[in-house]
Amino acid sequence: MTGQLAAVLSALIFLHFKHFLCDFPFQSDYQVRSKRVYGHPGGIFHAGLHALATTPVFFLLRPSLAFAIAIVAVEFLLHYHIDWAKENILAKWNWRLGDRGYWSTFGFDQMLHNLTYVGIIAIAS
């Protein structure tokens, strides 16, 4: 395995682990409840936590400082809007844990976040 491939795979593993931590153990009920309200501090904090927790991956990928700041800003915006859209779709259709629509929407949300990480790695490496 080349050094570049090892860095890319390590970055992907790191970003997935970071996503798990920020979306599950570190996410409070306050954050979950507020993500549907555009501009609410709870949703902003949640997306900011994700963006900040991405920064250690730059030890592996080593983009320029300006590029790293841009990546963090774009991740913040994408994460915030993906979550906001998911929560509004769930509310519009009144989908709950037991509904098929809930799980399809949740899965699509997770896929978009994962594609964001693929994009980060693709442009930063």
N, C-alpha and C. Protein backbone atom coordinates (compact mmCIF):
# COMPACT_ATOMS: atom_id res chain seq x y z
N MET A 1 0.85 -1.17 0.00
CA MET A 1 0.00 0.00 0.00
C MET A 1 0.90 1.24 0.00
N THR A 2 0.58 2.18 -0.85
CA THR A 2 1.37 3.41 -0.93
C THR A 2 1.06 4.31 0.26
N GLY A 3 1.94 5.25 0.50
CA GLY A 3 1.72 6.22 1.57
C GLY A 3 0.48 7.07 1.33
N GLN A 4 0.25 7.43 0.08
CA GLN A 4 -0.93 8.23 -0.28
C GLN A 4 -2.22 7.46 -0.02
N LEU A 5 -2.25 6.20 -0.43
CA LEU A 5 -3.44 5.37 -0.19
C LEU A 5 -3.67 5.17 1.30
N ALA A 6 -2.63 4.95 2.05
CA ALA A 6 -2.76 4.78 3.50
C ALA A 6 -3.32 6.05 4.14
N ALA A 7 -2.86 7.21 3.68
CA ALA A 7 -3.36 8.47 4.23
C ALA A 7 -4.84 8.66 3.90
N VAL A 8 -5.22 8.33 2.67
CA VAL A 8 -6.62 8.47 2.25
C VAL A 8 -7.52 7.53 3.06
N LEU A 9 -7.13 6.28 3.20
CA LEU A 9 -7.94 5.33 3.96
C LEU A 9 -8.00 5.71 5.44
N SER A 10 -6.88 6.15 5.99
CA SER A 10 -6.86 6.60 7.39
C SER A 10 -7.77 7.81 7.58
N ALA A 11 -7.74 8.73 6.63
CA ALA A 11 -8.60 9.91 6.70
C ALA A 11 -10.07 9.51 6.64
N LEU A 12 -10.42 8.59 5.78
CA LEU A 12 -11.80 8.14 5.67
C LEU A 12 -12.27 7.47 6.96
N ILE A 13 -11.43 6.62 7.53
CA ILE A 13 -11.77 5.98 8.80
C ILE A 13 -11.93 7.02 9.90
N PHE A 14 -11.00 7.98 9.95
CA PHE A 14 -11.10 9.03 10.96
C PHE A 14 -12.40 9.81 10.82
N LEU A 15 -12.75 10.22 9.60
CA LEU A 15 -13.96 11.01 9.39
C LEU A 15 -15.23 10.23 9.73
N HIS A 16 -15.24 8.94 9.44
CA HIS A 16 -16.40 8.13 9.83
C HIS A 16 -16.50 8.00 11.35
N PHE A 17 -15.39 7.81 12.01
CA PHE A 17 -15.40 7.72 13.47
C PHE A 17 -15.82 9.05 14.08
N LYS A 18 -15.29 10.16 13.55
CA LYS A 18 -15.69 11.49 13.99
C LYS A 18 -17.18 11.70 13.82
N HIS A 19 -17.71 11.25 12.70
CA HIS A 19 -19.14 11.41 12.43
C HIS A 19 -19.98 10.64 13.46
N PHE A 20 -19.57 9.42 13.75
CA PHE A 20 -20.27 8.63 14.77
C PHE A 20 -20.28 9.37 16.10
N LEU A 21 -19.12 9.85 16.53
CA LEU A 21 -19.03 10.53 17.83
C LEU A 21 -19.90 11.79 17.88
N CYS A 22 -19.83 12.61 16.84
CA CYS A 22 -20.57 13.87 16.84
C CYS A 22 -22.07 13.69 16.65
N ASP A 23 -22.47 12.65 15.93
CA ASP A 23 -23.90 12.45 15.67
C ASP A 23 -24.60 11.59 16.71
N PHE A 24 -23.85 10.84 17.48
CA PHE A 24 -24.50 9.95 18.44
C PHE A 24 -24.06 10.24 19.88
N PRO A 25 -22.90 9.80 20.37
CA PRO A 25 -22.58 10.05 21.78
C PRO A 25 -22.53 11.53 22.18
N PHE A 26 -22.01 12.41 21.30
CA PHE A 26 -21.84 13.82 21.67
C PHE A 26 -23.03 14.71 21.34
N GLN A 27 -24.03 14.18 20.66
CA GLN A 27 -25.18 15.00 20.27
C GLN A 27 -26.23 14.98 21.37
N SER A 28 -26.58 16.16 21.85
CA SER A 28 -27.56 16.26 22.93
C SER A 28 -28.98 16.28 22.38
N ASP A 29 -29.95 16.05 23.26
CA ASP A 29 -31.35 16.16 22.86
C ASP A 29 -31.66 17.58 22.37
N TYR A 30 -31.05 18.56 23.00
CA TYR A 30 -31.22 19.97 22.61
C TYR A 30 -30.82 20.16 21.14
N GLN A 31 -29.69 19.59 20.74
CA GLN A 31 -29.25 19.71 19.36
C GLN A 31 -30.24 19.02 18.42
N VAL A 32 -30.66 17.82 18.79
CA VAL A 32 -31.58 17.06 17.94
C VAL A 32 -32.88 17.84 17.75
N ARG A 33 -33.43 18.37 18.84
CA ARG A 33 -34.71 19.07 18.77
C ARG A 33 -34.64 20.39 18.00
N SER A 34 -33.47 21.01 17.97
CA SER A 34 -33.40 22.35 17.39
C SER A 34 -32.95 22.39 15.93
N LYS A 35 -32.50 21.28 15.37
CA LYS A 35 -31.95 21.30 14.01
C LYS A 35 -32.99 21.66 12.96
N ARG A 36 -34.26 21.50 13.28
CA ARG A 36 -35.31 21.81 12.32
C ARG A 36 -35.55 23.31 12.18
N VAL A 37 -35.15 24.09 13.17
CA VAL A 37 -35.38 25.54 13.17
C VAL A 37 -34.17 26.22 12.56
N TYR A 38 -34.36 26.84 11.41
CA TYR A 38 -33.23 27.44 10.69
C TYR A 38 -32.59 28.54 11.53
N GLY A 39 -31.28 28.44 11.71
CA GLY A 39 -30.53 29.44 12.46
C GLY A 39 -30.51 29.22 13.97
N HIS A 40 -31.15 28.17 14.45
CA HIS A 40 -31.18 27.91 15.90
C HIS A 40 -29.77 27.56 16.39
N PRO A 41 -29.37 28.09 17.54
CA PRO A 41 -28.02 27.82 18.06
C PRO A 41 -27.70 26.34 18.25
N GLY A 42 -28.69 25.51 18.57
CA GLY A 42 -28.43 24.08 18.74
C GLY A 42 -27.96 23.41 17.46
N GLY A 43 -28.60 23.73 16.36
CA GLY A 43 -28.18 23.17 15.06
C GLY A 43 -26.86 23.74 14.60
N ILE A 44 -26.64 25.02 14.88
CA ILE A 44 -25.37 25.65 14.52
C ILE A 44 -24.24 25.02 15.34
N PHE A 45 -24.48 24.81 16.63
CA PHE A 45 -23.46 24.17 17.47
C PHE A 45 -23.13 22.77 16.96
N HIS A 46 -24.17 22.02 16.61
CA HIS A 46 -23.97 20.64 16.13
C HIS A 46 -23.12 20.62 14.86
N ALA A 47 -23.46 21.45 13.89
CA ALA A 47 -22.68 21.51 12.65
C ALA A 47 -21.27 22.04 12.90
N GLY A 48 -21.15 22.99 13.83
CA GLY A 48 -19.84 23.51 14.19
C GLY A 48 -18.96 22.47 14.85
N LEU A 49 -19.56 21.63 15.68
CA LEU A 49 -18.82 20.54 16.31
C LEU A 49 -18.28 19.58 15.25
N HIS A 50 -19.10 19.24 14.28
CA HIS A 50 -18.65 18.40 13.17
C HIS A 50 -17.48 19.04 12.42
N ALA A 51 -17.63 20.32 12.09
CA ALA A 51 -16.58 21.00 11.33
C ALA A 51 -15.28 21.07 12.13
N LEU A 52 -15.38 21.42 13.39
CA LEU A 52 -14.18 21.50 14.23
C LEU A 52 -13.52 20.13 14.40
N ALA A 53 -14.32 19.11 14.57
CA ALA A 53 -13.78 17.75 14.76
C ALA A 53 -13.14 17.19 13.49
N THR A 54 -13.36 17.82 12.36
CA THR A 54 -12.72 17.40 11.11
C THR A 54 -11.25 17.82 11.07
N THR A 55 -10.89 18.87 11.78
CA THR A 55 -9.56 19.46 11.63
C THR A 55 -8.40 18.49 11.88
N PRO A 56 -8.48 17.53 12.80
CA PRO A 56 -7.33 16.61 12.94
C PRO A 56 -6.99 15.81 11.68
N VAL A 57 -7.95 15.66 10.77
CA VAL A 57 -7.68 14.90 9.54
C VAL A 57 -6.63 15.61 8.69
N PHE A 58 -6.43 16.89 8.93
CA PHE A 58 -5.45 17.63 8.15
C PHE A 58 -4.01 17.25 8.49
N PHE A 59 -3.82 16.55 9.61
CA PHE A 59 -2.49 16.00 9.88
C PHE A 59 -2.16 14.87 8.90
N LEU A 60 -3.19 14.25 8.36
CA LEU A 60 -3.00 13.18 7.37
C LEU A 60 -2.96 13.73 5.94
N LEU A 61 -3.85 14.67 5.64
CA LEU A 61 -4.00 15.13 4.26
C LEU A 61 -3.15 16.35 3.94
N ARG A 62 -2.86 17.19 4.90
CA ARG A 62 -1.96 18.34 4.79
C ARG A 62 -2.30 19.35 3.69
N PRO A 63 -3.54 19.85 3.66
CA PRO A 63 -3.83 20.94 2.72
C PRO A 63 -3.22 22.24 3.25
N SER A 64 -3.17 23.26 2.42
CA SER A 64 -2.71 24.57 2.89
C SER A 64 -3.68 25.08 3.95
N LEU A 65 -3.23 26.03 4.76
CA LEU A 65 -4.08 26.57 5.82
C LEU A 65 -5.36 27.19 5.24
N ALA A 66 -5.22 27.96 4.18
CA ALA A 66 -6.39 28.59 3.57
C ALA A 66 -7.37 27.54 3.04
N PHE A 67 -6.84 26.50 2.44
CA PHE A 67 -7.68 25.43 1.91
C PHE A 67 -8.35 24.66 3.05
N ALA A 68 -7.63 24.43 4.13
CA ALA A 68 -8.21 23.74 5.29
C ALA A 68 -9.36 24.55 5.89
N ILE A 69 -9.18 25.84 5.99
CA ILE A 69 -10.25 26.70 6.51
C ILE A 69 -11.46 26.65 5.60
N ALA A 70 -11.23 26.68 4.30
CA ALA A 70 -12.35 26.60 3.34
C ALA A 70 -13.07 25.26 3.46
N ILE A 71 -12.33 24.18 3.63
CA ILE A 71 -12.94 22.85 3.77
C ILE A 71 -13.82 22.81 5.02
N VAL A 72 -13.32 23.33 6.13
CA VAL A 72 -14.08 23.34 7.38
C VAL A 72 -15.36 24.18 7.21
N ALA A 73 -15.24 25.32 6.56
CA ALA A 73 -16.42 26.17 6.35
C ALA A 73 -17.46 25.49 5.48
N VAL A 74 -17.02 24.84 4.40
CA VAL A 74 -17.95 24.15 3.52
C VAL A 74 -18.58 22.96 4.24
N GLU A 75 -17.78 22.23 5.01
CA GLU A 75 -18.38 21.11 5.76
C GLU A 75 -19.43 21.61 6.73
N PHE A 76 -19.15 22.71 7.42
CA PHE A 76 -20.14 23.28 8.33
C PHE A 76 -21.44 23.58 7.60
N LEU A 77 -21.33 24.27 6.46
CA LEU A 77 -22.53 24.64 5.71
C LEU A 77 -23.29 23.42 5.19
N LEU A 78 -22.55 22.45 4.65
CA LEU A 78 -23.21 21.24 4.15
C LEU A 78 -23.86 20.46 5.29
N HIS A 79 -23.13 20.26 6.37
CA HIS A 79 -23.68 19.46 7.47
C HIS A 79 -24.94 20.13 8.03
N TYR A 80 -24.85 21.43 8.23
CA TYR A 80 -26.00 22.16 8.77
C TYR A 80 -27.23 22.00 7.88
N HIS A 81 -27.05 22.21 6.59
CA HIS A 81 -28.21 22.18 5.68
C HIS A 81 -28.72 20.77 5.42
N ILE A 82 -27.84 19.79 5.40
CA ILE A 82 -28.30 18.40 5.26
C ILE A 82 -29.17 18.02 6.46
N ASP A 83 -28.71 18.34 7.66
CA ASP A 83 -29.50 18.02 8.86
C ASP A 83 -30.80 18.81 8.90
N TRP A 84 -30.73 20.08 8.56
CA TRP A 84 -31.93 20.91 8.57
C TRP A 84 -32.98 20.36 7.60
N ALA A 85 -32.53 19.99 6.40
CA ALA A 85 -33.46 19.44 5.40
C ALA A 85 -34.05 18.13 5.89
N LYS A 86 -33.21 17.24 6.44
CA LYS A 86 -33.70 15.96 6.95
C LYS A 86 -34.78 16.18 7.99
N GLU A 87 -34.51 17.04 8.96
CA GLU A 87 -35.47 17.26 10.04
C GLU A 87 -36.77 17.86 9.53
N ASN A 88 -36.70 18.71 8.52
CA ASN A 88 -37.92 19.31 7.97
C ASN A 88 -38.71 18.32 7.13
N ILE A 89 -38.03 17.43 6.44
CA ILE A 89 -38.73 16.37 5.69
C ILE A 89 -39.45 15.45 6.66
N LEU A 90 -38.75 15.04 7.73
CA LEU A 90 -39.37 14.17 8.73
C LEU A 90 -40.59 14.83 9.35
N ALA A 91 -40.49 16.12 9.66
CA ALA A 91 -41.61 16.84 10.27
C ALA A 91 -42.77 17.01 9.30
N LYS A 92 -42.45 17.32 8.04
CA LYS A 92 -43.51 17.54 7.05
C LYS A 92 -44.37 16.30 6.88
N TRP A 93 -43.73 15.13 6.85
CA TRP A 93 -44.46 13.89 6.64
C TRP A 93 -44.82 13.19 7.95
N ASN A 94 -44.40 13.81 9.07
CA ASN A 94 -44.68 13.26 10.40
C ASN A 94 -44.14 11.83 10.54
N TRP A 95 -42.96 11.60 9.99
CA TRP A 95 -42.33 10.29 10.07
C TRP A 95 -41.59 10.14 11.39
N ARG A 96 -41.78 8.99 12.02
CA ARG A 96 -41.15 8.66 13.31
C ARG A 96 -40.35 7.38 13.16
N LEU A 97 -39.68 6.98 14.23
CA LEU A 97 -38.78 5.82 14.21
C LEU A 97 -39.39 4.57 13.57
N GLY A 98 -40.65 4.32 13.76
CA GLY A 98 -41.27 3.12 13.23
C GLY A 98 -41.69 3.20 11.77
N ASP A 99 -41.50 4.34 11.14
CA ASP A 99 -41.95 4.54 9.77
C ASP A 99 -40.83 4.29 8.76
N ARG A 100 -41.18 3.65 7.66
CA ARG A 100 -40.20 3.39 6.60
C ARG A 100 -39.60 4.69 6.06
N GLY A 101 -40.43 5.72 5.92
CA GLY A 101 -39.95 7.01 5.43
C GLY A 101 -38.89 7.61 6.33
N TYR A 102 -39.03 7.40 7.64
CA TYR A 102 -38.01 7.90 8.57
C TYR A 102 -36.65 7.29 8.24
N TRP A 103 -36.63 5.98 8.08
CA TRP A 103 -35.36 5.29 7.86
C TRP A 103 -34.76 5.59 6.50
N SER A 104 -35.60 5.78 5.50
CA SER A 104 -35.08 6.17 4.18
C SER A 104 -34.48 7.57 4.24
N THR A 105 -35.16 8.48 4.93
CA THR A 105 -34.66 9.85 5.06
C THR A 105 -33.38 9.87 5.90
N PHE A 106 -33.37 9.13 7.00
CA PHE A 106 -32.18 9.05 7.85
C PHE A 106 -31.00 8.45 7.07
N GLY A 107 -31.26 7.40 6.32
CA GLY A 107 -30.20 6.78 5.52
C GLY A 107 -29.67 7.71 4.45
N PHE A 108 -30.55 8.47 3.81
CA PHE A 108 -30.12 9.42 2.78
C PHE A 108 -29.26 10.51 3.42
N ASP A 109 -29.67 10.99 4.59
CA ASP A 109 -28.90 11.98 5.34
C ASP A 109 -27.49 11.45 5.62
N GLN A 110 -27.40 10.22 6.09
CA GLN A 110 -26.09 9.64 6.40
C GLN A 110 -25.24 9.46 5.14
N MET A 111 -25.88 9.08 4.04
CA MET A 111 -25.15 8.94 2.78
C MET A 111 -24.58 10.28 2.33
N LEU A 112 -25.36 11.35 2.44
CA LEU A 112 -24.87 12.67 2.05
C LEU A 112 -23.69 13.11 2.91
N HIS A 113 -23.75 12.83 4.20
CA HIS A 113 -22.61 13.15 5.07
C HIS A 113 -21.37 12.36 4.66
N ASN A 114 -21.56 11.08 4.36
CA ASN A 114 -20.43 10.25 3.95
C ASN A 114 -19.86 10.72 2.61
N LEU A 115 -20.70 11.14 1.69
CA LEU A 115 -20.21 11.68 0.42
C LEU A 115 -19.46 12.99 0.63
N THR A 116 -19.88 13.76 1.64
CA THR A 116 -19.13 14.97 1.99
C THR A 116 -17.70 14.60 2.38
N TYR A 117 -17.54 13.52 3.14
CA TYR A 117 -16.20 13.10 3.56
C TYR A 117 -15.37 12.60 2.37
N VAL A 118 -16.00 11.92 1.45
CA VAL A 118 -15.30 11.50 0.24
C VAL A 118 -14.83 12.73 -0.53
N GLY A 119 -15.70 13.74 -0.61
CA GLY A 119 -15.33 14.99 -1.28
C GLY A 119 -14.18 15.70 -0.59
N ILE A 120 -14.23 15.75 0.75
CA ILE A 120 -13.14 16.39 1.50
C ILE A 120 -11.83 15.71 1.17
N ILE A 121 -11.83 14.40 1.20
CA ILE A 121 -10.60 13.64 0.94
C ILE A 121 -10.14 13.84 -0.51
N ALA A 122 -11.09 13.84 -1.43
CA ALA A 122 -10.74 13.98 -2.85
C ALA A 122 -10.09 15.34 -3.13
N ILE A 123 -10.59 16.39 -2.53
CA ILE A 123 -10.03 17.71 -2.84
C ILE A 123 -8.85 18.08 -1.96
N ALA A 124 -8.71 17.42 -0.80
CA ALA A 124 -7.62 17.76 0.11
C ALA A 124 -6.39 16.89 -0.06
N SER A 125 -6.51 15.80 -0.80
CA SER A 125 -5.34 14.91 -0.92
C SER A 125 -4.69 15.01 -2.30
